[in-house]
Amino acid sequence: MRIRVKDTDTNIRLAIPDLLIYSRLTLGLVKKYSGFDLMKEADLKSLRKAVRKFKRRHKNFVLVEVRSKEGEDVTIKL
């Protein structure tokens, strides 16, 4: 996943690995600190597989693209 935030004076680009987002560790931390369980292990495996398959078919798929009148851009890509 790639996140880009662009302003008139700043340009920030972040690359976040999918393994970090869809891992058991991340789900465990969310469960521990938020108090609710997001999904089970079997659901996590099927989600990883579906996202990986989608990324192969649709390179640089844009999830969110926001542009303001002041010239700020935020883009989140798979």
PDB file of N, CA and C in Angstrom:
ATOM      1  N   MET A   1       0.843  -1.162   0.000  1.00  0.00           N
ATOM      2  CA  MET A   1       0.000   0.000   0.000  1.00  0.00           C
ATOM      3  C   MET A   1       0.895   1.233   0.000  1.00  0.00           C
ATOM      4  N   ARG A   2       0.551   2.192  -0.816  1.00  0.00           N
ATOM      5  CA  ARG A   2       1.308   3.440  -0.890  1.00  0.00           C
ATOM      6  C   ARG A   2       0.410   4.616  -0.541  1.00  0.00           C
ATOM      7  N   ILE A   3       0.916   5.473   0.333  1.00  0.00           N
ATOM      8  CA  ILE A   3       0.180   6.665   0.736  1.00  0.00           C
ATOM      9  C   ILE A   3       1.002   7.879   0.336  1.00  0.00           C
ATOM     10  N   ARG A   4       0.362   8.829  -0.336  1.00  0.00           N
ATOM     11  CA  ARG A   4       1.048  10.044  -0.759  1.00  0.00           C
ATOM     12  C   ARG A   4       0.235  11.245  -0.305  1.00  0.00           C
ATOM     13  N   VAL A   5       0.907  12.165   0.391  1.00  0.00           N
ATOM     14  CA  VAL A   5       0.288  13.414   0.826  1.00  0.00           C
ATOM     15  C   VAL A   5       1.115  14.539   0.232  1.00  0.00           C
ATOM     16  N   LYS A   6       0.473  15.374  -0.571  1.00  0.00           N
ATOM     17  CA  LYS A   6       1.186  16.452  -1.239  1.00  0.00           C
ATOM     18  C   LYS A   6       0.500  17.773  -0.931  1.00  0.00           C
ATOM     19  N   ASP A   7       1.306  18.738  -0.531  1.00  0.00           N
ATOM     20  CA  ASP A   7       0.840  20.079  -0.212  1.00  0.00           C
ATOM     21  C   ASP A   7       1.708  21.050  -0.994  1.00  0.00           C
ATOM     22  N   THR A   8       1.471  22.324  -0.844  1.00  0.00           N
ATOM     23  CA  THR A   8       2.276  23.312  -1.563  1.00  0.00           C
ATOM     24  C   THR A   8       3.728  23.298  -1.118  1.00  0.00           C
ATOM     25  N   ASP A   9       3.985  22.953   0.154  1.00  0.00           N
ATOM     26  CA  ASP A   9       5.361  22.963   0.645  1.00  0.00           C
ATOM     27  C   ASP A   9       5.863  21.598   1.122  1.00  0.00           C
ATOM     28  N   THR A  10       5.026  20.569   1.154  1.00  0.00           N
ATOM     29  CA  THR A  10       5.458  19.241   1.588  1.00  0.00           C
ATOM     30  C   THR A  10       5.036  18.184   0.586  1.00  0.00           C
ATOM     31  N   ASN A  11       5.797  17.112   0.563  1.00  0.00           N
ATOM     32  CA  ASN A  11       5.502  15.963  -0.278  1.00  0.00           C
ATOM     33  C   ASN A  11       5.917  14.724   0.516  1.00  0.00           C
ATOM     34  N   ILE A  12       4.944  13.994   1.051  1.00  0.00           N
ATOM     35  CA  ILE A  12       5.215  12.825   1.889  1.00  0.00           C
ATOM     36  C   ILE A  12       4.744  11.583   1.149  1.00  0.00           C
ATOM     37  N   ARG A  13       5.631  10.589   1.078  1.00  0.00           N
ATOM     38  CA  ARG A  13       5.287   9.305   0.467  1.00  0.00           C
ATOM     39  C   ARG A  13       5.621   8.193   1.445  1.00  0.00           C
ATOM     40  N   LEU A  14       4.657   7.327   1.715  1.00  0.00           N
ATOM     41  CA  LEU A  14       4.840   6.200   2.614  1.00  0.00           C
ATOM     42  C   LEU A  14       4.527   4.914   1.880  1.00  0.00           C
ATOM     43  N   ALA A  15       5.388   3.932   2.032  1.00  0.00           N
ATOM     44  CA  ALA A  15       5.136   2.597   1.493  1.00  0.00           C
ATOM     45  C   ALA A  15       4.973   1.656   2.676  1.00  0.00           C
ATOM     46  N   ILE A  16       3.796   1.059   2.796  1.00  0.00           N
ATOM     47  CA  ILE A  16       3.500   0.163   3.909  1.00  0.00           C
ATOM     48  C   ILE A  16       3.328  -1.241   3.336  1.00  0.00           C
ATOM     49  N   PRO A  17       4.150  -2.193   3.795  1.00  0.00           N
ATOM     50  CA  PRO A  17       4.038  -3.563   3.281  1.00  0.00           C
ATOM     51  C   PRO A  17       2.706  -4.201   3.674  1.00  0.00           C
ATOM     52  N   ASP A  18       2.165  -5.001   2.768  1.00  0.00           N
ATOM     53  CA  ASP A  18       0.899  -5.676   3.037  1.00  0.00           C
ATOM     54  C   ASP A  18       1.014  -6.660   4.190  1.00  0.00           C
ATOM     55  N   LEU A  19       2.172  -7.254   4.355  1.00  0.00           N
ATOM     56  CA  LEU A  19       2.357  -8.189   5.465  1.00  0.00           C
ATOM     57  C   LEU A  19       2.165  -7.508   6.807  1.00  0.00           C
ATOM     58  N   LEU A  20       2.510  -6.249   6.889  1.00  0.00           N
ATOM     59  CA  LEU A  20       2.328  -5.507   8.130  1.00  0.00           C
ATOM     60  C   LEU A  20       0.854  -5.244   8.408  1.00  0.00           C
ATOM     61  N   ILE A  21       0.098  -4.991   7.373  1.00  0.00           N
ATOM     62  CA  ILE A  21      -1.319  -4.657   7.540  1.00  0.00           C
ATOM     63  C   ILE A  21      -2.153  -5.902   7.849  1.00  0.00           C
ATOM     64  N   TYR A  22      -1.906  -6.983   7.118  1.00  0.00           N
ATOM     65  CA  TYR A  22      -2.736  -8.180   7.238  1.00  0.00           C
ATOM     66  C   TYR A  22      -2.051  -9.282   8.035  1.00  0.00           C
ATOM     67  N   SER A  23      -1.389  -8.955   9.123  1.00  0.00           N
ATOM     68  CA  SER A  23      -0.693  -9.970   9.910  1.00  0.00           C
ATOM     69  C   SER A  23      -1.461 -10.288  11.191  1.00  0.00           C
ATOM     70  N   ARG A  24      -1.129 -11.428  11.788  1.00  0.00           N
ATOM     71  CA  ARG A  24      -1.738 -11.809  13.059  1.00  0.00           C
ATOM     72  C   ARG A  24      -1.328 -10.854  14.162  1.00  0.00           C
ATOM     73  N   LEU A  25      -0.093 -10.355  14.091  1.00  0.00           N
ATOM     74  CA  LEU A  25       0.386  -9.409  15.100  1.00  0.00           C
ATOM     75  C   LEU A  25      -0.445  -8.131  15.097  1.00  0.00           C
ATOM     76  N   THR A  26      -0.708  -7.592  13.928  1.00  0.00           N
ATOM     77  CA  THR A  26      -1.516  -6.375  13.825  1.00  0.00           C
ATOM     78  C   THR A  26      -2.928  -6.616  14.349  1.00  0.00           C
ATOM     79  N   LEU A  27      -3.530  -7.747  13.967  1.00  0.00           N
ATOM     80  CA  LEU A  27      -4.878  -8.051  14.448  1.00  0.00           C
ATOM     81  C   LEU A  27      -4.897  -8.249  15.957  1.00  0.00           C
ATOM     82  N   GLY A  28      -3.831  -8.869  16.492  1.00  0.00           N
ATOM     83  CA  GLY A  28      -3.740  -9.041  17.938  1.00  0.00           C
ATOM     84  C   GLY A  28      -3.627  -7.716  18.669  1.00  0.00           C
ATOM     85  N   LEU A  29      -2.836  -6.787  18.115  1.00  0.00           N
ATOM     86  CA  LEU A  29      -2.708  -5.463  18.735  1.00  0.00           C
ATOM     87  C   LEU A  29      -4.013  -4.685  18.678  1.00  0.00           C
ATOM     88  N   VAL A  30      -4.723  -4.785  17.556  1.00  0.00           N
ATOM     89  CA  VAL A  30      -6.020  -4.113  17.440  1.00  0.00           C
ATOM     90  C   VAL A  30      -6.993  -4.687  18.462  1.00  0.00           C
ATOM     91  N   LYS A  31      -6.999  -5.998  18.599  1.00  0.00           N
ATOM     92  CA  LYS A  31      -7.900  -6.642  19.557  1.00  0.00           C
ATOM     93  C   LYS A  31      -7.543  -6.246  20.988  1.00  0.00           C
ATOM     94  N   LYS A  32      -6.258  -6.187  21.289  1.00  0.00           N
ATOM     95  CA  LYS A  32      -5.811  -5.875  22.647  1.00  0.00           C
ATOM     96  C   LYS A  32      -6.156  -4.445  23.041  1.00  0.00           C
ATOM     97  N   TYR A  33      -5.894  -3.493  22.158  1.00  0.00           N
ATOM     98  CA  TYR A  33      -6.055  -2.088  22.524  1.00  0.00           C
ATOM     99  C   TYR A  33      -7.430  -1.509  22.202  1.00  0.00           C
ATOM    100  N   SER A  34      -8.188  -2.143  21.309  1.00  0.00           N
ATOM    101  CA  SER A  34      -9.503  -1.595  20.988  1.00  0.00           C
ATOM    102  C   SER A  34     -10.622  -2.338  21.716  1.00  0.00           C
ATOM    103  N   GLY A  35     -10.372  -3.598  22.057  1.00  0.00           N
ATOM    104  CA  GLY A  35     -11.378  -4.349  22.786  1.00  0.00           C
ATOM    105  C   GLY A  35     -12.309  -5.176  21.921  1.00  0.00           C
ATOM    106  N   PHE A  36     -12.154  -5.169  20.601  1.00  0.00           N
ATOM    107  CA  PHE A  36     -13.002  -6.015  19.765  1.00  0.00           C
ATOM    108  C   PHE A  36     -12.156  -6.799  18.777  1.00  0.00           C
ATOM    109  N   ASP A  37     -12.670  -7.963  18.406  1.00  0.00           N
ATOM    110  CA  ASP A  37     -11.970  -8.871  17.506  1.00  0.00           C
ATOM    111  C   ASP A  37     -12.399  -8.579  16.073  1.00  0.00           C
ATOM    112  N   LEU A  38     -11.429  -8.298  15.202  1.00  0.00           N
ATOM    113  CA  LEU A  38     -11.760  -7.961  13.816  1.00  0.00           C
ATOM    114  C   LEU A  38     -12.164  -9.176  13.003  1.00  0.00           C
ATOM    115  N   MET A  39     -11.336 -10.222  13.017  1.00  0.00           N
ATOM    116  CA  MET A  39     -11.639 -11.400  12.213  1.00  0.00           C
ATOM    117  C   MET A  39     -10.879 -12.603  12.736  1.00  0.00           C
ATOM    118  N   LYS A  40     -11.292 -13.765  12.291  1.00  0.00           N
ATOM    119  CA  LYS A  40     -10.649 -15.008  12.689  1.00  0.00           C
ATOM    120  C   LYS A  40      -9.498 -15.316  11.741  1.00  0.00           C
ATOM    121  N   GLU A  41      -8.675 -16.290  12.124  1.00  0.00           N
ATOM    122  CA  GLU A  41      -7.488 -16.646  11.342  1.00  0.00           C
ATOM    123  C   GLU A  41      -7.846 -17.120   9.933  1.00  0.00           C
ATOM    124  N   ALA A  42      -8.900 -17.902   9.801  1.00  0.00           N
ATOM    125  CA  ALA A  42      -9.310 -18.390   8.475  1.00  0.00           C
ATOM    126  C   ALA A  42      -9.759 -17.239   7.584  1.00  0.00           C
ATOM    127  N   ASP A  43     -10.454 -16.280   8.169  1.00  0.00           N
ATOM    128  CA  ASP A  43     -10.882 -15.111   7.398  1.00  0.00           C
ATOM    129  C   ASP A  43      -9.694 -14.268   6.978  1.00  0.00           C
ATOM    130  N   LEU A  44      -8.692 -14.173   7.843  1.00  0.00           N
ATOM    131  CA  LEU A  44      -7.488 -13.405   7.531  1.00  0.00           C
ATOM    132  C   LEU A  44      -6.746 -14.019   6.349  1.00  0.00           C
ATOM    133  N   LYS A  45      -6.644 -15.338   6.323  1.00  0.00           N
ATOM    134  CA  LYS A  45      -5.963 -16.005   5.210  1.00  0.00           C
ATOM    135  C   LYS A  45      -6.692 -15.777   3.889  1.00  0.00           C
ATOM    136  N   SER A  46      -8.001 -15.870   3.911  1.00  0.00           N
ATOM    137  CA  SER A  46      -8.760 -15.649   2.673  1.00  0.00           C
ATOM    138  C   SER A  46      -8.694 -14.188   2.244  1.00  0.00           C
ATOM    139  N   LEU A  47      -8.652 -13.259   3.194  1.00  0.00           N
ATOM    140  CA  LEU A  47      -8.504 -11.842   2.861  1.00  0.00           C
ATOM    141  C   LEU A  47      -7.153 -11.574   2.212  1.00  0.00           C
ATOM    142  N   ARG A  48      -6.072 -12.121   2.791  1.00  0.00           N
ATOM    143  CA  ARG A  48      -4.739 -11.960   2.200  1.00  0.00           C
ATOM    144  C   ARG A  48      -4.701 -12.485   0.773  1.00  0.00           C
ATOM    145  N   LYS A  49      -5.283 -13.652   0.565  1.00  0.00           N
ATOM    146  CA  LYS A  49      -5.279 -14.270  -0.760  1.00  0.00           C
ATOM    147  C   LYS A  49      -6.056 -13.418  -1.759  1.00  0.00           C
ATOM    148  N   ALA A  50      -7.205 -12.907  -1.353  1.00  0.00           N
ATOM    149  CA  ALA A  50      -8.024 -12.089  -2.246  1.00  0.00           C
ATOM    150  C   ALA A  50      -7.334 -10.770  -2.593  1.00  0.00           C
ATOM    151  N   VAL A  51      -6.691 -10.144  -1.614  1.00  0.00           N
ATOM    152  CA  VAL A  51      -5.999  -8.874  -1.870  1.00  0.00           C
ATOM    153  C   VAL A  51      -4.808  -9.103  -2.790  1.00  0.00           C
ATOM    154  N   ARG A  52      -4.058 -10.169  -2.560  1.00  0.00           N
ATOM    155  CA  ARG A  52      -2.907 -10.482  -3.410  1.00  0.00           C
ATOM    156  C   ARG A  52      -3.343 -10.724  -4.854  1.00  0.00           C
ATOM    157  N   LYS A  53      -4.441 -11.464  -5.040  1.00  0.00           N
ATOM    158  CA  LYS A  53      -4.959 -11.744  -6.378  1.00  0.00           C
ATOM    159  C   LYS A  53      -5.444 -10.455  -7.057  1.00  0.00           C
ATOM    160  N   PHE A  54      -6.114  -9.587  -6.294  1.00  0.00           N
ATOM    161  CA  PHE A  54      -6.595  -8.324  -6.836  1.00  0.00           C
ATOM    162  C   PHE A  54      -5.439  -7.420  -7.246  1.00  0.00           C
ATOM    163  N   LYS A  55      -4.378  -7.391  -6.425  1.00  0.00           N
ATOM    164  CA  LYS A  55      -3.218  -6.546  -6.737  1.00  0.00           C
ATOM    165  C   LYS A  55      -2.518  -7.003  -8.009  1.00  0.00           C
ATOM    166  N   ARG A  56      -2.494  -8.302  -8.258  1.00  0.00           N
ATOM    167  CA  ARG A  56      -1.872  -8.798  -9.489  1.00  0.00           C
ATOM    168  C   ARG A  56      -2.654  -8.357 -10.717  1.00  0.00           C
ATOM    169  N   ARG A  57      -3.960  -8.361 -10.614  1.00  0.00           N
ATOM    170  CA  ARG A  57      -4.795  -7.998 -11.757  1.00  0.00           C
ATOM    171  C   ARG A  57      -4.875  -6.490 -11.970  1.00  0.00           C
ATOM    172  N   HIS A  58      -4.864  -5.724 -10.893  1.00  0.00           N
ATOM    173  CA  HIS A  58      -5.049  -4.275 -10.974  1.00  0.00           C
ATOM    174  C   HIS A  58      -3.857  -3.566 -10.341  1.00  0.00           C
ATOM    175  N   LYS A  59      -2.819  -3.365 -11.111  1.00  0.00           N
ATOM    176  CA  LYS A  59      -1.620  -2.680 -10.618  1.00  0.00           C
ATOM    177  C   LYS A  59      -1.945  -1.224 -10.312  1.00  0.00           C
ATOM    178  N   ASN A  60      -1.405  -0.709  -9.218  1.00  0.00           N
ATOM    179  CA  ASN A  60      -1.577   0.687  -8.796  1.00  0.00           C
ATOM    180  C   ASN A  60      -3.040   1.108  -8.698  1.00  0.00           C
ATOM    181  N   PHE A  61      -3.877   0.256  -8.135  1.00  0.00           N
ATOM    182  CA  PHE A  61      -5.293   0.565  -7.953  1.00  0.00           C
ATOM    183  C   PHE A  61      -5.438   1.661  -6.900  1.00  0.00           C
ATOM    184  N   VAL A  62      -6.161   2.713  -7.211  1.00  0.00           N
ATOM    185  CA  VAL A  62      -6.343   3.847  -6.307  1.00  0.00           C
ATOM    186  C   VAL A  62      -7.548   3.578  -5.410  1.00  0.00           C
ATOM    187  N   LEU A  63      -7.297   3.474  -4.096  1.00  0.00           N
ATOM    188  CA  LEU A  63      -8.379   3.285  -3.138  1.00  0.00           C
ATOM    189  C   LEU A  63      -9.049   4.612  -2.802  1.00  0.00           C
ATOM    190  N   VAL A  64      -8.227   5.631  -2.518  1.00  0.00           N
ATOM    191  CA  VAL A  64      -8.735   6.945  -2.129  1.00  0.00           C
ATOM    192  C   VAL A  64      -7.927   8.016  -2.842  1.00  0.00           C
ATOM    193  N   GLU A  65      -8.618   9.009  -3.365  1.00  0.00           N
ATOM    194  CA  GLU A  65      -7.949  10.151  -3.975  1.00  0.00           C
ATOM    195  C   GLU A  65      -8.737  11.403  -3.598  1.00  0.00           C
ATOM    196  N   VAL A  66      -8.094  12.285  -2.841  1.00  0.00           N
ATOM    197  CA  VAL A  66      -8.747  13.495  -2.346  1.00  0.00           C
ATOM    198  C   VAL A  66      -7.927  14.702  -2.785  1.00  0.00           C
ATOM    199  N   ARG A  67      -8.604  15.688  -3.338  1.00  0.00           N
ATOM    200  CA  ARG A  67      -7.944  16.941  -3.740  1.00  0.00           C
ATOM    201  C   ARG A  67      -8.767  18.100  -3.215  1.00  0.00           C
ATOM    202  N   SER A  68      -8.091  19.052  -2.583  1.00  0.00           N
ATOM    203  CA  SER A  68      -8.793  20.210  -2.047  1.00  0.00           C
ATOM    204  C   SER A  68      -8.572  21.425  -2.932  1.00  0.00           C
ATOM    205  N   LYS A  69      -9.333  22.469  -2.676  1.00  0.00           N
ATOM    206  CA  LYS A  69      -9.193  23.702  -3.441  1.00  0.00           C
ATOM    207  C   LYS A  69      -7.858  24.382  -3.176  1.00  0.00           C
ATOM    208  N   GLU A  70      -7.303  24.157  -1.985  1.00  0.00           N
ATOM    209  CA  GLU A  70      -6.034  24.783  -1.621  1.00  0.00           C
ATOM    210  C   GLU A  70      -4.834  24.095  -2.245  1.00  0.00           C
ATOM    211  N   GLY A  71      -5.028  22.980  -2.930  1.00  0.00           N
ATOM    212  CA  GLY A  71      -3.940  22.298  -3.619  1.00  0.00           C
ATOM    213  C   GLY A  71      -3.359  21.113  -2.877  1.00  0.00           C
ATOM    214  N   GLU A  72      -4.038  20.650  -1.830  1.00  0.00           N
ATOM    215  CA  GLU A  72      -3.567  19.470  -1.105  1.00  0.00           C
ATOM    216  C   GLU A  72      -4.117  18.213  -1.778  1.00  0.00           C
ATOM    217  N   ASP A  73      -3.250  17.212  -1.922  1.00  0.00           N
ATOM    218  CA  ASP A  73      -3.626  15.941  -2.522  1.00  0.00           C
ATOM    219  C   ASP A  73      -3.301  14.808  -1.552  1.00  0.00           C
ATOM    220  N   VAL A  74      -4.226  13.879  -1.416  1.00  0.00           N
ATOM    221  CA  VAL A  74      -3.987  12.657  -0.642  1.00  0.00           C
ATOM    222  C   VAL A  74      -4.400  11.506  -1.534  1.00  0.00           C
ATOM    223  N   THR A  75      -3.471  10.558  -1.735  1.00  0.00           N
ATOM    224  CA  THR A  75      -3.738   9.392  -2.578  1.00  0.00           C
ATOM    225  C   THR A  75      -3.311   8.139  -1.831  1.00  0.00           C
ATOM    226  N   ILE A  76      -4.192   7.132  -1.796  1.00  0.00           N
ATOM    227  CA  ILE A  76      -3.862   5.840  -1.208  1.00  0.00           C
ATOM    228  C   ILE A  76      -4.058   4.799  -2.293  1.00  0.00           C
ATOM    229  N   LYS A  77      -2.970   4.083  -2.617  1.00  0.00           N
ATOM    230  CA  LYS A  77      -2.993   3.053  -3.652  1.00  0.00           C
ATOM    231  C   LYS A  77      -2.686   1.697  -3.048  1.00  0.00           C
ATOM    232  N   LEU A  78      -3.231   0.651  -3.668  1.00  0.00           N
ATOM    233  CA  LEU A  78      -2.925  -0.715  -3.243  1.00  0.00           C
ATOM    234  C   LEU A  78      -1.548  -1.102  -3.701  1.00  0.00           C
TER     235      LEU A  78
END
